[in-house]
Protein backbone atom coordinates (compact mmCIF):
# COMPACT_ATOMS: atom_id res chain seq x y z
CA MET A 1 61.12 24.21 33.76
CA LYS A 2 58.10 22.44 32.02
CA GLU A 3 55.88 24.58 29.78
CA ARG A 4 52.73 25.73 31.14
CA PHE A 5 49.35 26.89 29.90
CA THR A 6 46.42 28.29 31.26
CA LEU A 7 43.44 26.52 30.58
CA TYR A 8 42.43 29.60 28.43
CA GLU A 9 45.60 29.70 26.45
CA LEU A 10 45.57 26.28 26.01
CA ASN A 11 42.11 26.14 24.42
CA ARG A 12 42.70 29.53 22.57
CA LEU A 13 45.46 27.49 21.26
CA VAL A 14 43.14 24.60 20.06
CA ARG A 15 40.79 27.44 18.81
CA GLU A 16 43.28 28.88 16.29
CA THR A 17 44.44 25.56 15.59
CA ILE A 18 40.77 24.45 14.02
CA GLU A 19 40.65 28.05 12.61
CA TYR A 20 43.78 27.45 10.69
CA GLU A 21 43.76 23.77 9.81
CA MET A 22 39.72 23.70 8.79
CA PRO A 23 39.16 27.02 6.94
CA ASN A 24 36.15 25.40 5.12
CA GLU A 25 32.92 24.65 5.32
CA TYR A 26 31.48 20.72 5.10
CA TRP A 27 28.89 18.45 4.04
CA VAL A 28 28.01 15.87 6.81
CA GLU A 29 25.44 13.03 7.07
CA ALA A 30 23.96 12.61 10.65
CA GLU A 31 20.70 11.70 12.38
CA LEU A 32 19.53 13.99 15.05
CA SER A 33 19.58 12.43 18.19
CA GLU A 34 18.15 16.35 19.38
CA CYS A 35 16.89 19.22 18.26
CA ARG A 36 15.34 22.12 20.08
CA GLU A 37 15.00 25.66 19.73
CA SER A 38 15.40 28.81 21.90
CA ARG A 39 15.80 32.59 21.41
CA GLY A 40 15.31 31.83 17.80
CA HIS A 41 18.56 29.74 17.44
CA CYS A 42 18.09 25.63 17.08
CA TYR A 43 20.41 23.78 18.84
CA MET A 44 20.70 20.00 17.74
CA GLU A 45 22.74 17.03 18.75
CA LEU A 46 24.31 14.93 16.13
CA ILE A 47 24.89 11.33 16.28
CA GLN A 48 25.75 8.18 13.66
CA LYS A 49 25.24 4.80 14.27
CA ASP A 50 25.80 1.57 12.51
CA GLU A 51 24.05 0.69 10.06
CA SER A 52 25.12 -2.90 10.08
CA THR A 53 23.07 -3.90 12.99
CA PRO A 54 19.30 -4.96 12.54
CA GLU A 55 17.71 -2.82 14.66
CA HIS A 56 19.08 0.41 12.86
CA ASN A 57 16.93 -0.63 9.89
CA SER A 58 13.59 -1.32 11.63
CA PRO A 59 10.91 0.79 10.10
CA ALA A 60 8.90 1.15 13.71
CA TYR A 61 11.69 3.30 14.57
CA GLY A 62 12.42 1.26 17.13
CA PRO A 63 15.67 0.92 19.72
CA SER A 64 18.98 1.03 17.36
CA ALA A 65 22.38 0.46 17.16
CA THR A 66 24.63 2.10 19.88
CA PRO A 67 25.85 5.67 18.37
CA ILE A 68 29.52 5.69 17.17
CA ALA A 69 30.23 9.15 16.83
CA LYS A 70 28.47 12.46 18.25
CA ALA A 71 28.57 15.74 17.85
CA ALA A 72 26.70 19.42 19.31
CA ALA A 73 25.70 21.73 16.59
CA LYS A 74 23.77 25.24 16.25
CA CYS A 75 22.01 27.28 13.84
CA TRP A 76 22.04 30.56 14.93
CA ALA A 77 18.96 32.61 14.46
CA SER A 78 20.08 34.44 11.08
CA LYS A 79 20.48 31.24 9.01
CA TRP A 80 17.50 29.46 11.21
CA MET A 81 14.91 31.44 10.16
CA ILE A 82 16.14 30.83 6.49
CA ILE A 83 16.99 27.00 7.00
CA ARG A 84 14.27 26.18 8.57
CA PRO A 85 10.99 27.44 6.65
CA TYR A 86 13.02 26.17 3.45
CA PHE A 87 13.30 22.57 4.91
CA GLU A 88 9.68 22.27 5.85
CA ARG A 89 8.26 23.52 2.76
CA ILE A 90 10.52 20.83 0.77
CA THR A 91 9.71 17.80 3.16
CA GLY A 92 6.19 18.80 4.35
CA GLN A 93 8.40 17.86 8.05
CA ARG A 94 10.04 19.68 10.73
CA LEU A 95 13.30 18.48 12.08
CA THR A 96 12.22 15.77 14.51
CA VAL A 97 14.52 13.17 16.61
CA GLY A 98 15.41 10.49 14.85
CA MET A 99 15.43 12.11 11.24
CA LYS A 100 18.43 11.97 9.25
CA VAL A 101 20.03 15.29 7.70
CA LEU A 102 22.78 16.18 5.39
CA LEU A 103 23.58 19.48 6.94
CA LYS A 104 26.55 21.89 5.82
CA VAL A 105 28.90 22.85 9.30
CA LYS A 106 31.68 24.78 9.85
CA PRO A 107 33.93 24.11 12.96
CA GLN A 108 33.65 26.69 15.98
CA PHE A 109 35.87 25.71 19.43
CA HIS A 110 35.03 28.54 21.56
CA GLU A 111 37.25 28.82 24.77
CA ALA A 112 34.51 28.82 27.28
CA PHE A 113 31.92 26.90 25.50
CA GLY A 114 34.08 23.85 23.63
CA PHE A 115 33.51 22.61 20.30
CA SER A 116 30.69 22.42 18.21
CA TRP A 117 29.78 22.16 14.50
CA ILE A 118 28.05 25.63 13.29
CA VAL A 119 25.15 24.95 10.08
CA THR A 120 24.97 27.22 7.45
CA ASP A 121 22.96 25.19 4.96
CA ILE A 122 20.48 22.11 4.51
CA ASP A 123 20.12 19.60 2.05
CA PRO A 124 16.33 18.88 2.09
CA THR A 125 16.06 16.56 -0.66
CA TYR A 126 18.55 14.36 1.65
CA THR A 127 15.73 13.71 4.13
CA MET A 128 12.93 13.26 1.69
CA GLY A 129 15.11 10.33 0.19
CA ASP A 130 15.69 8.84 3.48
CA MET A 131 11.67 9.61 4.43
CA ALA A 132 11.08 8.20 1.50
CA ARG A 133 12.98 5.12 1.89
CA LYS A 134 11.41 4.48 5.68
CA ARG A 135 8.41 5.17 4.42
CA GLN A 136 8.02 2.41 1.56
CA GLU A 137 9.77 0.11 4.14
CA ILE A 138 6.79 0.83 6.49
CA ILE A 139 4.49 -0.22 3.24
CA ARG A 140 6.14 -3.19 2.22
CA GLN A 141 5.71 -4.52 6.24
CA LEU A 142 2.17 -3.43 6.05
CA LYS A 143 1.53 -5.09 2.80
CA GLU A 144 3.52 -8.31 3.76
CA GLU A 145 1.50 -9.08 6.89
CA GLY A 146 -1.42 -8.50 4.94
CA VAL A 147 -3.19 -5.57 6.67
CA PHE A 148 -2.64 -2.62 4.11
CA ASP A 149 -5.96 -3.20 2.90
CA LEU A 150 -7.86 -4.32 5.66
CA GLN A 151 -9.91 -1.20 6.22
CA LYS A 152 -10.46 -0.63 2.74
CA GLU A 153 -12.60 -3.96 3.12
CA LEU A 154 -14.98 -2.76 5.54
CA SER A 155 -18.66 -1.28 4.87
CA LEU A 156 -19.20 1.72 5.93
CA PRO A 157 -22.78 1.23 7.60
CA LEU A 158 -26.13 3.08 5.37
CA PHE A 159 -26.89 4.99 8.40
CA CYS A 160 -23.23 6.07 9.86
CA GLN A 161 -24.47 8.45 12.52
CA HIS A 162 -22.78 7.65 16.10
CA ILE A 163 -18.85 9.18 15.77
CA ALA A 164 -16.13 8.62 17.77
CA VAL A 165 -13.49 11.57 17.23
CA ILE A 166 -9.78 11.34 17.95
CA SER A 167 -8.86 15.17 18.30
CA SER A 168 -7.23 17.80 20.04
CA GLU A 169 -9.73 18.96 22.14
CA THR A 170 -8.83 22.37 21.51
CA ALA A 171 -8.34 22.61 17.74
CA ALA A 172 -10.10 24.47 15.61
CA GLY A 173 -10.70 21.73 12.88
CA TYR A 174 -12.51 19.54 16.00
CA GLY A 175 -14.83 22.50 16.27
CA ASP A 176 -15.04 22.80 12.57
CA PHE A 177 -16.06 19.48 12.49
CA CYS A 178 -19.24 19.17 15.01
CA ASN A 179 -20.55 22.69 13.77
CA GLN A 180 -20.85 21.40 10.54
CA LEU A 181 -22.60 18.09 10.95
CA THR A 182 -24.77 20.01 13.55
CA ASP A 183 -25.94 22.55 10.70
CA ASN A 184 -25.68 19.90 7.76
CA PRO A 185 -28.62 21.55 5.79
CA TYR A 186 -31.24 18.06 5.73
CA GLY A 187 -31.54 18.05 9.05
CA PHE A 188 -29.83 15.12 10.02
CA GLN A 189 -28.72 13.64 13.05
CA PHE A 190 -25.05 13.10 14.20
CA ARG A 191 -23.87 12.02 17.67
CA THR A 192 -20.21 12.61 18.15
CA ARG A 193 -17.66 11.64 20.92
CA LEU A 194 -15.00 13.19 21.19
CA PHE A 195 -11.32 10.94 22.65
CA PRO A 196 -8.94 13.78 22.97
CA ALA A 197 -5.32 13.04 21.48
CA ILE A 198 -1.93 14.72 21.02
CA MET A 199 -1.97 15.59 16.69
CA GLN A 200 1.34 16.97 16.26
CA GLY A 201 4.91 16.40 17.73
CA GLU A 202 6.39 13.23 19.07
CA GLY A 203 3.00 12.35 21.55
CA THR A 204 1.33 12.31 18.61
CA GLU A 205 1.63 8.17 17.83
CA GLN A 206 0.66 6.88 21.27
CA SER A 207 -1.44 9.61 22.06
CA ILE A 208 -3.63 8.09 19.21
CA ILE A 209 -3.46 4.89 19.97
CA SER A 210 -4.19 5.26 23.21
CA ALA A 211 -7.67 7.06 22.12
CA LEU A 212 -8.59 3.94 19.68
CA GLU A 213 -8.20 1.55 22.54
CA LYS A 214 -10.35 3.57 24.38
CA ILE A 215 -12.62 3.30 21.19
CA TYR A 216 -12.38 -0.47 20.77
CA GLU A 217 -13.20 -0.88 24.72
CA ASP A 218 -17.07 0.28 23.63
CA LEU A 219 -17.42 -0.67 19.93
CA THR A 220 -21.00 0.84 19.78
CA PHE A 221 -19.79 3.35 16.59
CA ASP A 222 -20.42 3.54 13.68
CA CYS A 223 -17.09 4.57 12.57
CA VAL A 224 -14.29 6.78 14.20
CA VAL A 225 -13.06 10.00 12.60
CA ILE A 226 -9.28 11.33 12.91
CA ILE A 227 -9.07 15.03 12.65
CA ARG A 228 -6.37 17.68 12.84
CA GLY A 229 -7.09 20.92 11.72
CA GLY A 230 -5.03 24.09 13.75
CA GLY A 231 -1.76 22.53 13.58
CA ALA A 232 1.67 23.26 11.83
CA THR A 233 1.52 21.21 8.51
CA SER A 234 5.05 20.36 8.56
CA ASP A 235 4.70 18.42 11.64
CA MET A 236 3.40 15.20 10.59
CA SER A 237 6.11 12.97 11.11
CA GLY A 238 3.46 11.03 13.95
CA PHE A 239 1.25 9.38 10.98
CA ASP A 240 3.99 7.84 9.51
CA THR A 241 4.80 4.94 11.85
CA LEU A 242 4.25 1.57 11.48
CA ALA A 243 2.56 1.10 15.11
CA LEU A 244 0.04 3.77 14.24
CA ALA A 245 -0.68 2.18 10.62
CA GLU A 246 -1.27 -1.43 12.17
CA ASN A 247 -3.17 -0.16 14.85
CA VAL A 248 -5.70 1.77 12.42
CA ALA A 249 -5.37 -1.11 9.45
CA ASN A 250 -6.76 -3.56 12.12
CA PHE A 251 -9.23 -1.63 13.96
CA PRO A 252 -12.60 -3.57 13.17
CA ILE A 253 -14.83 -0.64 12.33
CA PRO A 254 -13.97 2.24 9.04
CA ILE A 255 -11.93 4.90 10.08
CA ILE A 256 -11.19 8.27 8.00
CA THR A 257 -8.66 10.67 8.03
CA GLY A 258 -8.92 14.65 7.69
CA ILE A 259 -5.70 15.28 8.91
CA GLY A 260 -4.92 18.25 6.78
CA HIS A 261 -1.95 16.95 4.20
CA GLU A 262 -0.36 19.31 1.81
CA ARG A 263 2.06 16.89 0.60
CA ASP A 264 1.59 13.64 -0.25
CA GLU A 265 -1.09 11.20 1.68
CA SER A 266 0.66 9.72 5.24
CA ILE A 267 1.07 6.18 5.91
CA LEU A 268 -2.32 6.79 8.16
CA ASP A 269 -4.05 7.84 5.10
CA MET A 270 -3.30 5.43 3.06
CA VAL A 271 -4.67 2.48 5.41
CA ALA A 272 -7.69 4.10 6.34
CA HIS A 273 -11.19 3.52 5.23
CA THR A 274 -11.51 6.72 3.59
CA LYS A 275 -9.11 9.51 3.19
CA VAL A 276 -10.54 13.51 2.95
CA LYS A 277 -7.93 16.78 3.64
CA THR A 278 -9.61 18.24 6.41
CA PRO A 279 -11.85 18.02 9.11
CA THR A 280 -14.75 20.04 7.73
CA ALA A 281 -14.24 17.55 4.20
CA ALA A 282 -14.58 14.71 7.02
CA ALA A 283 -18.17 16.23 8.27
CA ALA A 284 -19.17 16.89 4.60
CA PHE A 285 -18.46 13.20 3.64
CA LEU A 286 -20.40 11.66 6.57
CA ILE A 287 -23.30 14.38 5.69
CA SER A 288 -22.63 13.12 2.07
CA HIS A 289 -23.11 9.80 2.87
CA LEU A 290 -26.32 9.97 4.71
CA LYS A 291 -27.66 11.83 1.99
CA GLU A 292 -27.04 9.30 -0.68
CA VAL A 293 -28.78 6.68 1.70
CA ALA A 294 -31.53 9.26 2.01
CA ASP A 295 -31.75 10.21 -1.67
CA ALA A 296 -31.88 6.11 -2.11
CA ILE A 297 -34.27 5.26 0.14
CA ASN A 298 -36.34 8.19 -1.53
CA GLU A 299 -36.07 7.09 -4.54
CA THR A 300 -36.57 3.10 -3.55
CA GLU A 301 -39.82 4.84 -2.10
CA SER A 302 -41.05 6.49 -5.39
CA THR A 303 -40.01 3.59 -7.33
CA ILE A 304 -42.89 1.52 -4.94
CA VAL A 305 -45.03 3.83 -5.10
CA ARG A 306 -44.93 4.01 -9.41
CA ARG A 307 -44.70 0.22 -9.65
CA VAL A 308 -47.97 -0.13 -7.35
CA GLN A 309 -49.88 2.39 -8.79
CA ASP A 310 -48.71 0.90 -12.50
CA ARG A 311 -50.21 -2.78 -10.85
CA MET A 312 -53.12 -0.91 -9.76
CA GLN A 313 -53.66 0.79 -12.84
CA MET A 314 -53.10 -2.80 -14.79
CA GLU A 315 -55.60 -4.60 -12.49
CA GLN A 316 -58.29 -1.95 -13.30
CA ILE A 317 -57.78 -2.17 -16.81
CA ARG A 318 -58.44 -6.30 -15.99
CA LEU A 319 -61.36 -5.81 -14.04
CA ASN A 320 -62.54 -3.31 -16.82
CA ARG A 321 -62.23 -6.28 -19.00
CA ILE A 322 -63.77 -8.91 -17.34
CA ALA A 323 -66.62 -6.28 -16.27
CA GLU A 324 -67.00 -5.68 -20.41
CA ALA A 325 -67.05 -9.36 -20.62
CA ILE A 326 -69.74 -10.32 -17.92
CA PRO A 327 -72.30 -9.35 -19.77
CA ARG A 328 -71.07 -11.69 -22.62
CA LEU A 329 -70.21 -14.40 -20.32
CA PHE A 330 -73.95 -14.55 -18.89
CA SER A 331 -75.72 -14.69 -21.92
CA ILE A 332 -73.66 -17.65 -22.92
CA VAL A 333 -73.98 -19.46 -19.47
CA LYS A 334 -77.72 -18.53 -19.66
CA THR A 335 -78.11 -20.13 -22.52
CA ARG A 336 -76.17 -23.36 -21.58
CA GLN A 337 -78.38 -23.31 -18.74
CA GLU A 338 -81.72 -22.71 -20.48
CA ALA A 339 -80.70 -25.82 -22.91
CA ARG A 340 -80.09 -27.61 -20.04
CA ILE A 341 -83.40 -27.00 -18.11
CA GLU A 342 -85.47 -27.85 -21.37
CA ALA A 343 -83.42 -31.02 -22.06
CA PHE A 344 -84.21 -31.63 -18.06
CA GLU A 345 -87.95 -30.76 -18.74
CA GLN A 346 -87.94 -33.15 -22.01
CA ARG A 347 -86.61 -35.81 -19.98
CA MET A 348 -88.89 -35.19 -16.82
CA PRO A 349 -91.89 -37.14 -17.64
CA LEU A 350 -89.69 -40.23 -18.76
CA LEU A 351 -87.73 -40.00 -15.29
CA ILE A 352 -90.95 -39.69 -13.55
CA GLU A 353 -92.28 -42.77 -14.82
CA ARG A 354 -89.31 -44.51 -14.31
CA ARG A 355 -89.08 -43.69 -10.38
CA ILE A 356 -93.00 -44.07 -9.96
CA THR A 357 -93.03 -47.86 -11.76
CA ALA A 358 -89.85 -48.54 -9.48
CA GLU A 359 -90.96 -47.34 -6.29
CA ARG A 360 -94.03 -49.39 -7.08
CA HIS A 361 -92.18 -52.51 -7.92
CA ARG A 362 -90.45 -52.28 -4.40
CA LEU A 363 -94.22 -51.49 -2.61
CA GLN A 364 -95.02 -55.11 -3.93
CA LEU A 365 -91.81 -56.43 -2.65
CA ILE A 366 -92.62 -55.00 0.35
CA GLU A 367 -96.18 -55.47 0.72
CA GLU A 368 -95.33 -59.46 -0.28
CA LYS A 369 -92.61 -59.94 2.53
CA ALA A 370 -95.39 -57.69 5.09
CA LYS A 371 -98.10 -60.92 3.68
CA ASN A 372 -95.71 -63.23 4.56
CA LEU A 373 -95.12 -62.34 8.12
CA ASP A 374 -98.68 -61.95 8.92
CA PRO A 375 -99.30 -63.48 11.78
CA THR A 376 -102.84 -64.48 10.82
CA LEU A 377 -101.27 -66.96 8.22
CA LEU A 378 -99.89 -68.84 11.26
CA LEU A 379 -102.77 -69.23 13.08
CA LYS A 380 -103.91 -71.29 10.22
CA ARG A 381 -100.99 -73.22 9.86
CA GLY A 382 -102.30 -74.26 13.59
CA TYR A 383 -99.80 -71.76 15.49
CA SER A 384 -101.12 -69.74 18.63
CA ILE A 385 -99.99 -66.59 20.00
CA THR A 386 -99.94 -66.01 23.78
CA LEU A 387 -100.99 -62.50 24.90
CA HIS A 388 -100.43 -60.65 28.22
CA GLN A 389 -101.77 -57.40 28.46
CA GLY A 390 -101.71 -57.57 24.65
CA LYS A 391 -98.03 -57.87 23.99
CA ALA A 392 -96.75 -61.54 22.97
CA VAL A 393 -95.09 -63.92 25.51
CA ARG A 394 -92.13 -64.81 24.57
CA ASP A 395 -90.76 -66.29 28.11
CA PRO A 396 -92.77 -67.84 30.38
CA LYS A 397 -90.86 -66.62 33.38
CA THR A 398 -92.18 -63.01 32.99
CA LEU A 399 -95.56 -64.58 34.03
CA LYS A 400 -96.68 -65.06 37.16
CA SER A 401 -99.30 -66.80 39.08
CA GLY A 402 -103.00 -65.16 38.70
CA ASP A 403 -102.04 -63.43 35.36
CA GLU A 404 -104.92 -63.40 32.53
CA ILE A 405 -103.35 -64.26 29.27
CA GLU A 406 -105.04 -64.34 26.23
CA THR A 407 -104.07 -67.19 23.56
CA ARG A 408 -104.99 -66.75 19.77
CA VAL A 409 -106.10 -69.24 17.52
CA GLU A 410 -107.29 -69.32 13.87
CA LYS A 411 -111.39 -68.88 14.72
CA GLY A 412 -110.79 -67.06 18.03
CA SER A 413 -109.33 -66.17 21.52
CA ILE A 414 -108.86 -68.24 24.38
CA THR A 415 -108.12 -66.40 28.14
CA SER A 416 -107.14 -68.47 30.82
CA LYS A 417 -105.30 -67.76 34.23
CA VAL A 418 -101.97 -68.67 35.20
CA THR A 419 -102.00 -70.93 38.25
CA SER A 420 -98.01 -72.33 37.89
CA VAL A 421 -95.03 -71.01 35.96
């Protein structure tokens, strides 16, 4: 008869073989396709992709090649409570899907649950290197696209008071931000409008992009503030993506970030107009900006008042000098006018005499001309003048039969009656 095994016996044989043939621990490079916690344990799905495919090197973490290897891995709570804080403290990140890791594992086969790798240690420096490579690739692509410094070219409005806020609605940092703006010591008035977004975890990127799209539909804001408070400082991978960086870099109004990094700045910070550490620092920045504007206005006002006062003082001095000079100038003018009057008085008799002589000559000419026009001279020459009602008759048609007319001659006048015309 053929040798037969129960499933349990066969699985125990596999377990014993693995334990005998692979007693050591191994460092393995892999990518996380799944990572979740349950009852203090961490359950992972490890994969390896074909790195020769172009998609695998995409800085946007887009679709990648089909995995060429897969395996389940577990980290029991006793180890996980040590490994997790160590990894997060060194990298500033949580273990997330898509992250490359270097794990120390040992094989385990259980008759009922099958095969899995048991994680006993992790090398965070390996993950940091991969994260740095991806970050540098994203930065390089943003610079090649010419968008890396676009936000820096924008100017924050002088009166930056209408603020669009992207934050978690329940985050303590959002409340701190609003309270600090409201209770500023200068009495400045700010208007804020919240655009809620997920600020940690895998949904961060798309949630913030959606909020930016809503703000873009109503570009009445002076700036956008992206703030995060109260979340885990180790869960920041959502701020290091190409898609989010491109949206922020190309946004038409200034964006201020205050997302609480304790490690190096994120790519989101790099492409933003202004980066601060915390939500309260973002509020302090806006208050300080408005205070600088108010100080500049006050300084300009003081400068204008001072210059006006200086000008008025100069004009007063000039007027005083003119007032002091008026008596002297008046004396000069008076002397000149008196000299002119005296000269005129001396010339007046001669001028009057000349005028009288000229007028006499003119009268003589008029008199001579009048004599030449005297009608009696014409009468002496044998001419006569016919009058009707005291007016000279120039046209016989003006007379009618029966009119009396007077004809004047040198020696007298003749009265006649018109019989016909």
